[in-house]
C-alpha atoms as a PDB file:
ATOM      1  CA  MET A   1      89.210  85.997 108.321  1.00  0.00           C
ATOM      2  CA  LEU A   2      90.525  86.903 111.706  1.00  0.00           C
ATOM      3  CA  SER A   3      92.207  90.273 110.818  1.00  0.00           C
ATOM      4  CA  SER A   4      89.370  91.700 109.256  1.00  0.00           C
ATOM      5  CA  VAL A   5      86.716  90.840 112.078  1.00  0.00           C
ATOM      6  CA  VAL A   6      89.344  91.824 114.428  1.00  0.00           C
ATOM      7  CA  GLN A   7      90.096  95.468 112.931  1.00  0.00           C
ATOM      8  CA  ARG A   8      85.591  95.770 111.955  1.00  0.00           C
ATOM      9  CA  TYR A   9      85.541  96.103 116.102  1.00  0.00           C
ATOM     10  CA  ARG A  10      84.783  99.800 115.969  1.00  0.00           C
ATOM     11  CA  GLU A  11      81.820  99.416 112.978  1.00  0.00           C
ATOM     12  CA  PHE A  12      80.722  96.458 114.666  1.00  0.00           C
ATOM     13  CA  GLY A  13      80.413  98.817 117.786  1.00  0.00           C
ATOM     14  CA  ILE A  14      78.452 101.282 115.692  1.00  0.00           C
ATOM     15  CA  ARG A  15      76.302  99.154 114.355  1.00  0.00           C
ATOM     16  CA  PHE A  16      74.943  97.116 117.411  1.00  0.00           C
ATOM     17  CA  SER A  17      74.423 100.614 118.855  1.00  0.00           C
ATOM     18  CA  LEU A  18      72.192 101.915 115.973  1.00  0.00           C
ATOM     19  CA  GLY A  19      70.302  98.948 116.759  1.00  0.00           C
ATOM     20  CA  ALA A  20      71.265  96.070 115.050  1.00  0.00           C
ATOM     21  CA  THR A  21      71.465  92.551 117.090  1.00  0.00           C
ATOM     22  CA  ILE A  22      74.519  90.403 117.606  1.00  0.00           C
ATOM     23  CA  THR A  23      72.994  87.393 116.050  1.00  0.00           C
ATOM     24  CA  SER A  24      72.827  89.583 112.824  1.00  0.00           C
ATOM     25  CA  LEU A  25      76.511  90.673 112.879  1.00  0.00           C
ATOM     26  CA  ILE A  26      76.996  87.424 113.265  1.00  0.00           C
ATOM     27  CA  ASN A  27      75.155  86.477 110.463  1.00  0.00           C
ATOM     28  CA  LEU A  28      76.447  89.615 108.801  1.00  0.00           C
ATOM     29  CA  ILE A  29      80.224  87.993 109.484  1.00  0.00           C
ATOM     30  CA  ILE A  30      79.452  84.531 108.263  1.00  0.00           C
ATOM     31  CA  PHE A  31      78.117  86.096 104.792  1.00  0.00           C
ATOM     32  CA  GLU A  32      80.915  87.539 104.216  1.00  0.00           C
ATOM     33  CA  ILE A  33      83.292  84.234 105.102  1.00  0.00           C
ATOM     34  CA  LEU A  34      81.098  82.513 102.441  1.00  0.00           C
ATOM     35  CA  VAL A  35      81.420  85.212  99.407  1.00  0.00           C
ATOM     36  CA  LEU A  36      85.082  85.258  99.945  1.00  0.00           C
ATOM     37  CA  ALA A  37      85.520  81.405 100.714  1.00  0.00           C
ATOM     38  CA  LEU A  38      83.310  80.805  97.066  1.00  0.00           C
ATOM     39  CA  PHE A  39      85.492  83.831  95.576  1.00  0.00           C
ATOM     40  CA  ALA A  40      88.689  82.792  96.532  1.00  0.00           C
ATOM     41  CA  PHE A  41      87.983  79.297  95.870  1.00  0.00           C
ATOM     42  CA  SER A  42      86.338  80.273  92.216  1.00  0.00           C
ATOM     43  CA  LEU A  43      90.302  81.719  91.787  1.00  0.00           C
ATOM     44  CA  ALA A  44      92.052  79.065  92.951  1.00  0.00           C
ATOM     45  CA  LEU A  45      90.242  76.607  90.509  1.00  0.00           C
ATOM     46  CA  VAL A  46      90.398  78.728  87.442  1.00  0.00           C
ATOM     47  CA  ILE A  47      94.064  79.772  88.372  1.00  0.00           C
ATOM     48  CA  PHE A  48      94.721  75.389  88.748  1.00  0.00           C
ATOM     49  CA  TYR A  49      93.327  74.902  84.922  1.00  0.00           C
ATOM     50  CA  ILE A  50      94.809  77.636  83.331  1.00  0.00           C
ATOM     51  CA  ALA A  51      98.320  76.126  84.450  1.00  0.00           C
ATOM     52  CA  LYS A  52      96.985  72.568  83.796  1.00  0.00           C
ATOM     53  CA  ASN A  53      96.627  73.764  79.892  1.00  0.00           C
ATOM     54  CA  LEU A  54     100.007  75.841  80.146  1.00  0.00           C
ATOM     55  CA  ILE A  55     102.356  72.788  81.750  1.00  0.00           C
ATOM     56  CA  SER A  56     102.893  70.271  79.180  1.00  0.00           C
ATOM     57  CA  THR A  57     104.176  66.874  81.246  1.00  0.00           C
ATOM     58  CA  PRO A  58     103.432  63.688  80.747  1.00  0.00           C
ATOM     59  CA  ILE A  59     101.704  62.887  83.891  1.00  0.00           C
ATOM     60  CA  ALA A  60      97.856  64.056  83.728  1.00  0.00           C
ATOM     61  CA  ILE A  61      96.805  65.822  86.421  1.00  0.00           C
ATOM     62  CA  ASP A  62      92.601  64.849  86.663  1.00  0.00           C
ATOM     63  CA  ILE A  63      90.686  66.480  89.650  1.00  0.00           C
ATOM     64  CA  ASN A  64      86.749  65.123  89.754  1.00  0.00           C
ATOM     65  CA  ILE A  65      83.477  66.422  91.280  1.00  0.00           C
ATOM     66  CA  TYR A  66      84.253  64.968  94.256  1.00  0.00           C
ATOM     67  CA  ILE A  67      88.123  66.132  94.446  1.00  0.00           C
ATOM     68  CA  ILE A  68      86.260  70.223  93.883  1.00  0.00           C
ATOM     69  CA  ILE A  69      83.504  69.574  96.447  1.00  0.00           C
ATOM     70  CA  TYR A  70      85.873  68.457  99.082  1.00  0.00           C
ATOM     71  CA  SER A  71      88.249  70.769  98.473  1.00  0.00           C
ATOM     72  CA  PHE A  72      85.746  74.057  99.045  1.00  0.00           C
ATOM     73  CA  VAL A  73      84.352  72.729 102.288  1.00  0.00           C
ATOM     74  CA  LEU A  74      87.970  72.932 103.324  1.00  0.00           C
ATOM     75  CA  CYS A  75      87.812  76.071 102.286  1.00  0.00           C
ATOM     76  CA  ILE A  76      85.210  77.099 103.936  1.00  0.00           C
ATOM     77  CA  SER A  77      86.072  75.190 107.575  1.00  0.00           C
ATOM     78  CA  ILE A  78      89.196  76.807 107.584  1.00  0.00           C
ATOM     79  CA  SER A  79      87.761  80.303 106.834  1.00  0.00           C
ATOM     80  CA  PHE A  80      85.283  79.667 109.400  1.00  0.00           C
ATOM     81  CA  ILE A  81      87.769  78.113 112.192  1.00  0.00           C
ATOM     82  CA  THR A  82      89.745  81.411 111.773  1.00  0.00           C
ATOM     83  CA  SER A  83      86.290  83.301 112.473  1.00  0.00           C
ATOM     84  CA  PHE A  84      85.117  81.805 115.156  1.00  0.00           C
ATOM     85  CA  GLY A  85      87.492  83.333 117.925  1.00  0.00           C
ATOM     86  CA  PRO A  86      86.767  86.696 116.852  1.00  0.00           C
ATOM     87  CA  ILE A  87      83.027  86.107 117.209  1.00  0.00           C
ATOM     88  CA  LEU A  88      82.601  84.639 119.883  1.00  0.00           C
ATOM     89  CA  LYS A  89      84.938  87.558 121.588  1.00  0.00           C
ATOM     90  CA  LEU A  90      82.018  89.659 119.757  1.00  0.00           C
ATOM     91  CA  LYS A  91      79.645  88.604 121.341  1.00  0.00           C
ATOM     92  CA  SER A  92      80.857  89.413 125.002  1.00  0.00           C
ATOM     93  CA  ILE A  93      82.165  93.077 124.418  1.00  0.00           C
ATOM     94  CA  GLU A  94      80.165  95.903 125.445  1.00  0.00           C
ATOM     95  CA  PRO A  95      79.538  98.372 122.212  1.00  0.00           C
ATOM     96  CA  ALA A  96      80.764 101.028 124.033  1.00  0.00           C
ATOM     97  CA  GLN A  97      83.934  99.045 124.431  1.00  0.00           C
ATOM     98  CA  LEU A  98      83.323  98.137 120.885  1.00  0.00           C
ATOM     99  CA  ILE A  99      83.397 101.662 119.273  1.00  0.00           C
ATOM    100  CA  ARG A 100      86.841 102.222 121.719  1.00  0.00           C
ATOM    101  CA  GLY A 101      88.593  99.792 119.875  1.00  0.00           C
ATOM    102  CA  GLY A 102      87.706  96.567 121.369  1.00  0.00           C
ATOM    103  CA  LYS A 103      90.296  96.238 123.702  1.00  0.00           C
END
């Protein structure tokens, strides 16, 4: 997420220049974080269940709903933490500077 936000500064500058508010840009980033985190978490859950069924060991691996919820919250938290810095920087940069690359 960190590199995604930083690499898209030019896009954000153009959107901002065309009338988007900083709040709408931040909402866009937050929505993308949630979608990507949900996709990544779902994929990881599917891979886990496939691997669990393929590995035949006497040790049973059991995951209940609380572990799944805790893992999902942790996944989203890490995504937000890694995007927090670029979002703050996005708020402080002028649109013209964003279009030039945000440096």
